[in-house]
Amino acid sequence: MLPLTTCGDIFRIIIALFIPPLGVFTQVGLTQPFWINLVIYLFAVGGLGFPVLFGMWPAAVVHALFVILTRK
C-alpha cells in the first residue's frame, strides 16, 4: 500500500516524469539519492558521453518515483 500522497507529491511525480533529478531534488535536496539519480539521468541523456544508454531513462524515472513515494 502506498503512503498518503499529497498535492506536492503529485507535482513532484509530474516533474519526475520529465526531469527525474529535479523531482528527487525537490523531495530530498542535495543528498545521496539525488546524486544517484543524476548519474542515472546523465547516462540516459548522454551527458557522460554514452548516448546509447537511452534505455536508462526508465530507470531514472522509476528511481525518482521510488524516492518521492517512500521518503516522507
PDB file of N, CA and C in Angstrom:
ATOM      1  N   MET A   1       0.833  -1.179   0.000  1.00  0.00           N
ATOM      2  CA  MET A   1       0.000   0.000   0.000  1.00  0.00           C
ATOM      3  C   MET A   1       0.879   1.245   0.000  1.00  0.00           C
ATOM      4  N   LEU A   2       0.581   2.182  -0.884  1.00  0.00           N
ATOM      5  CA  LEU A   2       1.351   3.409  -0.981  1.00  0.00           C
ATOM      6  C   LEU A   2       1.002   4.342   0.169  1.00  0.00           C
ATOM      7  N   PRO A   3       1.985   5.112   0.619  1.00  0.00           N
ATOM      8  CA  PRO A   3       1.686   6.097   1.657  1.00  0.00           C
ATOM      9  C   PRO A   3       0.765   7.186   1.110  1.00  0.00           C
ATOM     10  N   LEU A   4       0.222   7.974   2.014  1.00  0.00           N
ATOM     11  CA  LEU A   4      -0.663   9.064   1.632  1.00  0.00           C
ATOM     12  C   LEU A   4       0.056  10.020   0.680  1.00  0.00           C
ATOM     13  N   THR A   5      -0.569  10.328  -0.437  1.00  0.00           N
ATOM     14  CA  THR A   5       0.020  11.193  -1.445  1.00  0.00           C
ATOM     15  C   THR A   5      -0.599  12.583  -1.331  1.00  0.00           C
ATOM     16  N   THR A   6       0.265  13.599  -1.271  1.00  0.00           N
ATOM     17  CA  THR A   6      -0.194  14.975  -1.155  1.00  0.00           C
ATOM     18  C   THR A   6      -0.142  15.676  -2.515  1.00  0.00           C
ATOM     19  N   CYS A   7      -0.626  16.888  -2.574  1.00  0.00           N
ATOM     20  CA  CYS A   7      -0.560  17.670  -3.810  1.00  0.00           C
ATOM     21  C   CYS A   7       0.887  17.924  -4.214  1.00  0.00           C
ATOM     22  N   GLY A   8       1.746  18.135  -3.224  1.00  0.00           N
ATOM     23  CA  GLY A   8       3.163  18.331  -3.505  1.00  0.00           C
ATOM     24  C   GLY A   8       3.784  17.097  -4.126  1.00  0.00           C
ATOM     25  N   ASP A   9       3.381  15.910  -3.656  1.00  0.00           N
ATOM     26  CA  ASP A   9       3.886  14.671  -4.226  1.00  0.00           C
ATOM     27  C   ASP A   9       3.441  14.512  -5.678  1.00  0.00           C
ATOM     28  N   ILE A  10       2.210  14.871  -5.959  1.00  0.00           N
ATOM     29  CA  ILE A  10       1.705  14.777  -7.333  1.00  0.00           C
ATOM     30  C   ILE A  10       2.504  15.705  -8.244  1.00  0.00           C
ATOM     31  N   PHE A  11       2.793  16.914  -7.771  1.00  0.00           N
ATOM     32  CA  PHE A  11       3.616  17.857  -8.530  1.00  0.00           C
ATOM     33  C   PHE A  11       5.008  17.281  -8.769  1.00  0.00           C
ATOM     34  N   ARG A  12       5.610  16.679  -7.729  1.00  0.00           N
ATOM     35  CA  ARG A  12       6.932  16.065  -7.865  1.00  0.00           C
ATOM     36  C   ARG A  12       6.920  14.898  -8.843  1.00  0.00           C
ATOM     37  N   ILE A  13       5.855  14.109  -8.814  1.00  0.00           N
ATOM     38  CA  ILE A  13       5.742  12.969  -9.726  1.00  0.00           C
ATOM     39  C   ILE A  13       5.682  13.452 -11.173  1.00  0.00           C
ATOM     40  N   ILE A  14       4.928  14.502 -11.420  1.00  0.00           N
ATOM     41  CA  ILE A  14       4.844  15.059 -12.778  1.00  0.00           C
ATOM     42  C   ILE A  14       6.217  15.573 -13.214  1.00  0.00           C
ATOM     43  N   ILE A  15       6.913  16.265 -12.339  1.00  0.00           N
ATOM     44  CA  ILE A  15       8.262  16.740 -12.660  1.00  0.00           C
ATOM     45  C   ILE A  15       9.186  15.560 -12.930  1.00  0.00           C
ATOM     46  N   ALA A  16       9.090  14.503 -12.114  1.00  0.00           N
ATOM     47  CA  ALA A  16       9.972  13.345 -12.242  1.00  0.00           C
ATOM     48  C   ALA A  16       9.781  12.614 -13.562  1.00  0.00           C
ATOM     49  N   LEU A  17       8.614  12.703 -14.153  1.00  0.00           N
ATOM     50  CA  LEU A  17       8.389  12.050 -15.435  1.00  0.00           C
ATOM     51  C   LEU A  17       9.183  12.714 -16.555  1.00  0.00           C
ATOM     52  N   PHE A  18       9.482  14.003 -16.414  1.00  0.00           N
ATOM     53  CA  PHE A  18      10.210  14.735 -17.444  1.00  0.00           C
ATOM     54  C   PHE A  18      11.675  14.963 -17.082  1.00  0.00           C
ATOM     55  N   ILE A  19      11.936  15.359 -15.829  1.00  0.00           N
ATOM     56  CA  ILE A  19      13.305  15.613 -15.362  1.00  0.00           C
ATOM     57  C   ILE A  19      13.462  14.932 -13.999  1.00  0.00           C
ATOM     58  N   PRO A  20      13.803  13.646 -14.007  1.00  0.00           N
ATOM     59  CA  PRO A  20      13.846  12.886 -12.757  1.00  0.00           C
ATOM     60  C   PRO A  20      14.713  13.491 -11.646  1.00  0.00           C
ATOM     61  N   PRO A  21      15.925  14.003 -11.932  1.00  0.00           N
ATOM     62  CA  PRO A  21      16.717  14.554 -10.828  1.00  0.00           C
ATOM     63  C   PRO A  21      16.060  15.757 -10.147  1.00  0.00           C
ATOM     64  N   LEU A  22      15.321  16.539 -10.892  1.00  0.00           N
ATOM     65  CA  LEU A  22      14.634  17.690 -10.299  1.00  0.00           C
ATOM     66  C   LEU A  22      13.536  17.241  -9.345  1.00  0.00           C
ATOM     67  N   GLY A  23      12.818  16.196  -9.724  1.00  0.00           N
ATOM     68  CA  GLY A  23      11.804  15.656  -8.830  1.00  0.00           C
ATOM     69  C   GLY A  23      12.403  15.121  -7.540  1.00  0.00           C
ATOM     70  N   VAL A  24      13.555  14.442  -7.648  1.00  0.00           N
ATOM     71  CA  VAL A  24      14.235  13.921  -6.458  1.00  0.00           C
ATOM     72  C   VAL A  24      14.764  15.075  -5.620  1.00  0.00           C
ATOM     73  N   PHE A  25      15.316  16.087  -6.268  1.00  0.00           N
ATOM     74  CA  PHE A  25      15.854  17.239  -5.538  1.00  0.00           C
ATOM     75  C   PHE A  25      14.778  17.935  -4.724  1.00  0.00           C
ATOM     76  N   THR A  26      13.584  18.079  -5.292  1.00  0.00           N
ATOM     77  CA  THR A  26      12.518  18.752  -4.556  1.00  0.00           C
ATOM     78  C   THR A  26      12.060  17.942  -3.351  1.00  0.00           C
ATOM     79  N   GLN A  27      12.329  16.637  -3.362  1.00  0.00           N
ATOM     80  CA  GLN A  27      11.927  15.797  -2.235  1.00  0.00           C
ATOM     81  C   GLN A  27      13.009  15.712  -1.162  1.00  0.00           C
ATOM     82  N   VAL A  28      14.275  15.488  -1.568  1.00  0.00           N
ATOM     83  CA  VAL A  28      15.315  15.201  -0.579  1.00  0.00           C
ATOM     84  C   VAL A  28      16.488  16.178  -0.592  1.00  0.00           C
ATOM     85  N   GLY A  29      16.515  17.125  -1.520  1.00  0.00           N
ATOM     86  CA  GLY A  29      17.622  18.077  -1.567  1.00  0.00           C
ATOM     87  C   GLY A  29      18.877  17.441  -2.152  1.00  0.00           C
ATOM     88  N   LEU A  30      20.024  18.009  -1.792  1.00  0.00           N
ATOM     89  CA  LEU A  30      21.298  17.532  -2.332  1.00  0.00           C
ATOM     90  C   LEU A  30      21.864  16.378  -1.507  1.00  0.00           C
ATOM     91  N   THR A  31      21.098  15.329  -1.366  1.00  0.00           N
ATOM     92  CA  THR A  31      21.552  14.157  -0.616  1.00  0.00           C
ATOM     93  C   THR A  31      21.917  13.048  -1.598  1.00  0.00           C
ATOM     94  N   GLN A  32      22.309  11.909  -1.062  1.00  0.00           N
ATOM     95  CA  GLN A  32      22.779  10.800  -1.885  1.00  0.00           C
ATOM     96  C   GLN A  32      21.771  10.347  -2.948  1.00  0.00           C
ATOM     97  N   PRO A  33      20.480  10.221  -2.645  1.00  0.00           N
ATOM     98  CA  PRO A  33      19.550   9.802  -3.704  1.00  0.00           C
ATOM     99  C   PRO A  33      19.524  10.747  -4.902  1.00  0.00           C
ATOM    100  N   PHE A  34      19.699  12.042  -4.653  1.00  0.00           N
ATOM    101  CA  PHE A  34      19.738  12.996  -5.761  1.00  0.00           C
ATOM    102  C   PHE A  34      20.925  12.721  -6.663  1.00  0.00           C
ATOM    103  N   TRP A  35      22.099  12.524  -6.090  1.00  0.00           N
ATOM    104  CA  TRP A  35      23.303  12.299  -6.891  1.00  0.00           C
ATOM    105  C   TRP A  35      23.229  10.981  -7.655  1.00  0.00           C
ATOM    106  N   ILE A  36      22.667   9.959  -7.040  1.00  0.00           N
ATOM    107  CA  ILE A  36      22.488   8.682  -7.731  1.00  0.00           C
ATOM    108  C   ILE A  36      21.563   8.868  -8.926  1.00  0.00           C
ATOM    109  N   ASN A  37      20.459   9.571  -8.723  1.00  0.00           N
ATOM    110  CA  ASN A  37      19.517   9.787  -9.809  1.00  0.00           C
ATOM    111  C   ASN A  37      20.134  10.647 -10.900  1.00  0.00           C
ATOM    112  N   LEU A  38      20.931  11.615 -10.532  1.00  0.00           N
ATOM    113  CA  LEU A  38      21.579  12.476 -11.521  1.00  0.00           C
ATOM    114  C   LEU A  38      22.515  11.668 -12.409  1.00  0.00           C
ATOM    115  N   VAL A  39      23.278  10.761 -11.830  1.00  0.00           N
ATOM    116  CA  VAL A  39      24.190   9.928 -12.627  1.00  0.00           C
ATOM    117  C   VAL A  39      23.395   9.025 -13.573  1.00  0.00           C
ATOM    118  N   ILE A  40      22.331   8.412 -13.073  1.00  0.00           N
ATOM    119  CA  ILE A  40      21.484   7.574 -13.935  1.00  0.00           C
ATOM    120  C   ILE A  40      20.912   8.415 -15.075  1.00  0.00           C
ATOM    121  N   TYR A  41      20.448   9.612 -14.750  1.00  0.00           N
ATOM    122  CA  TYR A  41      19.870  10.516 -15.754  1.00  0.00           C
ATOM    123  C   TYR A  41      20.906  10.927 -16.796  1.00  0.00           C
ATOM    124  N   LEU A  42      22.120  11.233 -16.349  1.00  0.00           N
ATOM    125  CA  LEU A  42      23.160  11.635 -17.295  1.00  0.00           C
ATOM    126  C   LEU A  42      23.541  10.493 -18.230  1.00  0.00           C
ATOM    127  N   PHE A  43      23.532   9.270 -17.737  1.00  0.00           N
ATOM    128  CA  PHE A  43      23.743   8.126 -18.623  1.00  0.00           C
ATOM    129  C   PHE A  43      22.619   8.040 -19.653  1.00  0.00           C
ATOM    130  N   ALA A  44      21.412   8.324 -19.229  1.00  0.00           N
ATOM    131  CA  ALA A  44      20.250   8.200 -20.118  1.00  0.00           C
ATOM    132  C   ALA A  44      20.272   9.236 -21.234  1.00  0.00           C
ATOM    133  N   VAL A  45      20.640  10.471 -20.934  1.00  0.00           N
ATOM    134  CA  VAL A  45      20.587  11.530 -21.944  1.00  0.00           C
ATOM    135  C   VAL A  45      21.919  11.733 -22.650  1.00  0.00           C
ATOM    136  N   GLY A  46      22.933  10.958 -22.309  1.00  0.00           N
ATOM    137  CA  GLY A  46      24.214  11.075 -22.978  1.00  0.00           C
ATOM    138  C   GLY A  46      25.102  12.148 -22.388  1.00  0.00           C
ATOM    139  N   GLY A  47      24.787  12.614 -21.207  1.00  0.00           N
ATOM    140  CA  GLY A  47      25.586  13.659 -20.575  1.00  0.00           C
ATOM    141  C   GLY A  47      26.978  13.204 -20.175  1.00  0.00           C
ATOM    142  N   LEU A  48      27.179  11.907 -20.053  1.00  0.00           N
ATOM    143  CA  LEU A  48      28.504  11.375 -19.720  1.00  0.00           C
ATOM    144  C   LEU A  48      29.183  10.757 -20.934  1.00  0.00           C
ATOM    145  N   GLY A  49      28.657  11.042 -22.124  1.00  0.00           N
ATOM    146  CA  GLY A  49      29.262  10.553 -23.351  1.00  0.00           C
ATOM    147  C   GLY A  49      28.797   9.174 -23.776  1.00  0.00           C
ATOM    148  N   PHE A  50      27.703   8.690 -23.212  1.00  0.00           N
ATOM    149  CA  PHE A  50      27.191   7.376 -23.558  1.00  0.00           C
ATOM    150  C   PHE A  50      25.740   7.481 -24.035  1.00  0.00           C
ATOM    151  N   PRO A  51      25.488   8.110 -25.178  1.00  0.00           N
ATOM    152  CA  PRO A  51      24.097   8.289 -25.605  1.00  0.00           C
ATOM    153  C   PRO A  51      23.388   6.987 -25.967  1.00  0.00           C
ATOM    154  N   VAL A  52      24.127   5.889 -26.114  1.00  0.00           N
ATOM    155  CA  VAL A  52      23.487   4.613 -26.456  1.00  0.00           C
ATOM    156  C   VAL A  52      22.748   4.017 -25.262  1.00  0.00           C
ATOM    157  N   LEU A  53      22.930   4.577 -24.085  1.00  0.00           N
ATOM    158  CA  LEU A  53      22.277   4.061 -22.898  1.00  0.00           C
ATOM    159  C   LEU A  53      20.951   4.766 -22.642  1.00  0.00           C
ATOM    160  N   PHE A  54      20.237   5.114 -23.705  1.00  0.00           N
ATOM    161  CA  PHE A  54      18.958   5.806 -23.546  1.00  0.00           C
ATOM    162  C   PHE A  54      17.960   4.939 -22.806  1.00  0.00           C
ATOM    163  N   GLY A  55      18.188   3.624 -22.769  1.00  0.00           N
ATOM    164  CA  GLY A  55      17.324   2.726 -22.021  1.00  0.00           C
ATOM    165  C   GLY A  55      17.379   2.967 -20.528  1.00  0.00           C
ATOM    166  N   MET A  56      18.320   3.796 -20.077  1.00  0.00           N
ATOM    167  CA  MET A  56      18.426   4.117 -18.658  1.00  0.00           C
ATOM    168  C   MET A  56      17.364   5.130 -18.228  1.00  0.00           C
ATOM    169  N   TRP A  57      16.677   5.773 -19.180  1.00  0.00           N
ATOM    170  CA  TRP A  57      15.661   6.771 -18.834  1.00  0.00           C
ATOM    171  C   TRP A  57      14.592   6.184 -17.917  1.00  0.00           C
ATOM    172  N   PRO A  58      14.019   5.016 -18.243  1.00  0.00           N
ATOM    173  CA  PRO A  58      13.023   4.450 -17.321  1.00  0.00           C
ATOM    174  C   PRO A  58      13.602   4.159 -15.939  1.00  0.00           C
ATOM    175  N   ALA A  59      14.862   3.793 -15.877  1.00  0.00           N
ATOM    176  CA  ALA A  59      15.484   3.534 -14.577  1.00  0.00           C
ATOM    177  C   ALA A  59      15.539   4.815 -13.746  1.00  0.00           C
ATOM    178  N   ALA A  60      15.851   5.932 -14.390  1.00  0.00           N
ATOM    179  CA  ALA A  60      15.898   7.210 -13.678  1.00  0.00           C
ATOM    180  C   ALA A  60      14.513   7.605 -13.192  1.00  0.00           C
ATOM    181  N   VAL A  61      13.504   7.383 -14.010  1.00  0.00           N
ATOM    182  CA  VAL A  61      12.131   7.735 -13.623  1.00  0.00           C
ATOM    183  C   VAL A  61      11.654   6.834 -12.479  1.00  0.00           C
ATOM    184  N   VAL A  62      11.913   5.532 -12.583  1.00  0.00           N
ATOM    185  CA  VAL A  62      11.494   4.606 -11.529  1.00  0.00           C
ATOM    186  C   VAL A  62      12.195   4.933 -10.212  1.00  0.00           C
ATOM    187  N   HIS A  63      13.488   5.235 -10.278  1.00  0.00           N
ATOM    188  CA  HIS A  63      14.225   5.603  -9.064  1.00  0.00           C
ATOM    189  C   HIS A  63      13.639   6.884  -8.468  1.00  0.00           C
ATOM    190  N   ALA A  64      13.345   7.859  -9.300  1.00  0.00           N
ATOM    191  CA  ALA A  64      12.768   9.115  -8.806  1.00  0.00           C
ATOM    192  C   ALA A  64      11.409   8.871  -8.151  1.00  0.00           C
ATOM    193  N   LEU A  65      10.576   8.068  -8.781  1.00  0.00           N
ATOM    194  CA  LEU A  65       9.265   7.778  -8.202  1.00  0.00           C
ATOM    195  C   LEU A  65       9.406   7.038  -6.878  1.00  0.00           C
ATOM    196  N   PHE A  66      10.353   6.109  -6.808  1.00  0.00           N
ATOM    197  CA  PHE A  66      10.591   5.382  -5.568  1.00  0.00           C
ATOM    198  C   PHE A  66      10.984   6.342  -4.445  1.00  0.00           C
ATOM    199  N   VAL A  67      11.907   7.249  -4.734  1.00  0.00           N
ATOM    200  CA  VAL A  67      12.355   8.208  -3.716  1.00  0.00           C
ATOM    201  C   VAL A  67      11.210   9.115  -3.304  1.00  0.00           C
ATOM    202  N   ILE A  68      10.454   9.613  -4.258  1.00  0.00           N
ATOM    203  CA  ILE A  68       9.362  10.545  -3.943  1.00  0.00           C
ATOM    204  C   ILE A  68       8.276   9.867  -3.111  1.00  0.00           C
ATOM    205  N   LEU A  69       7.955   8.634  -3.442  1.00  0.00           N
ATOM    206  CA  LEU A  69       6.849   7.969  -2.768  1.00  0.00           C
ATOM    207  C   LEU A  69       7.220   7.319  -1.435  1.00  0.00           C
ATOM    208  N   THR A  70       8.514   7.094  -1.195  1.00  0.00           N
ATOM    209  CA  THR A  70       8.898   6.434   0.052  1.00  0.00           C
ATOM    210  C   THR A  70       9.543   7.362   1.072  1.00  0.00           C
ATOM    211  N   ARG A  71      10.043   8.516   0.669  1.00  0.00           N
ATOM    212  CA  ARG A  71      10.700   9.445   1.601  1.00  0.00           C
ATOM    213  C   ARG A  71       9.688  10.436   2.129  1.00  0.00           C
ATOM    214  N   LYS A  72       9.352  10.323   3.385  1.00  0.00           N
ATOM    215  CA  LYS A  72       8.388  11.271   3.979  1.00  0.00           C
ATOM    216  C   LYS A  72       8.987  11.961   5.164  1.00  0.00           C
TER     217      LYS A  72
END
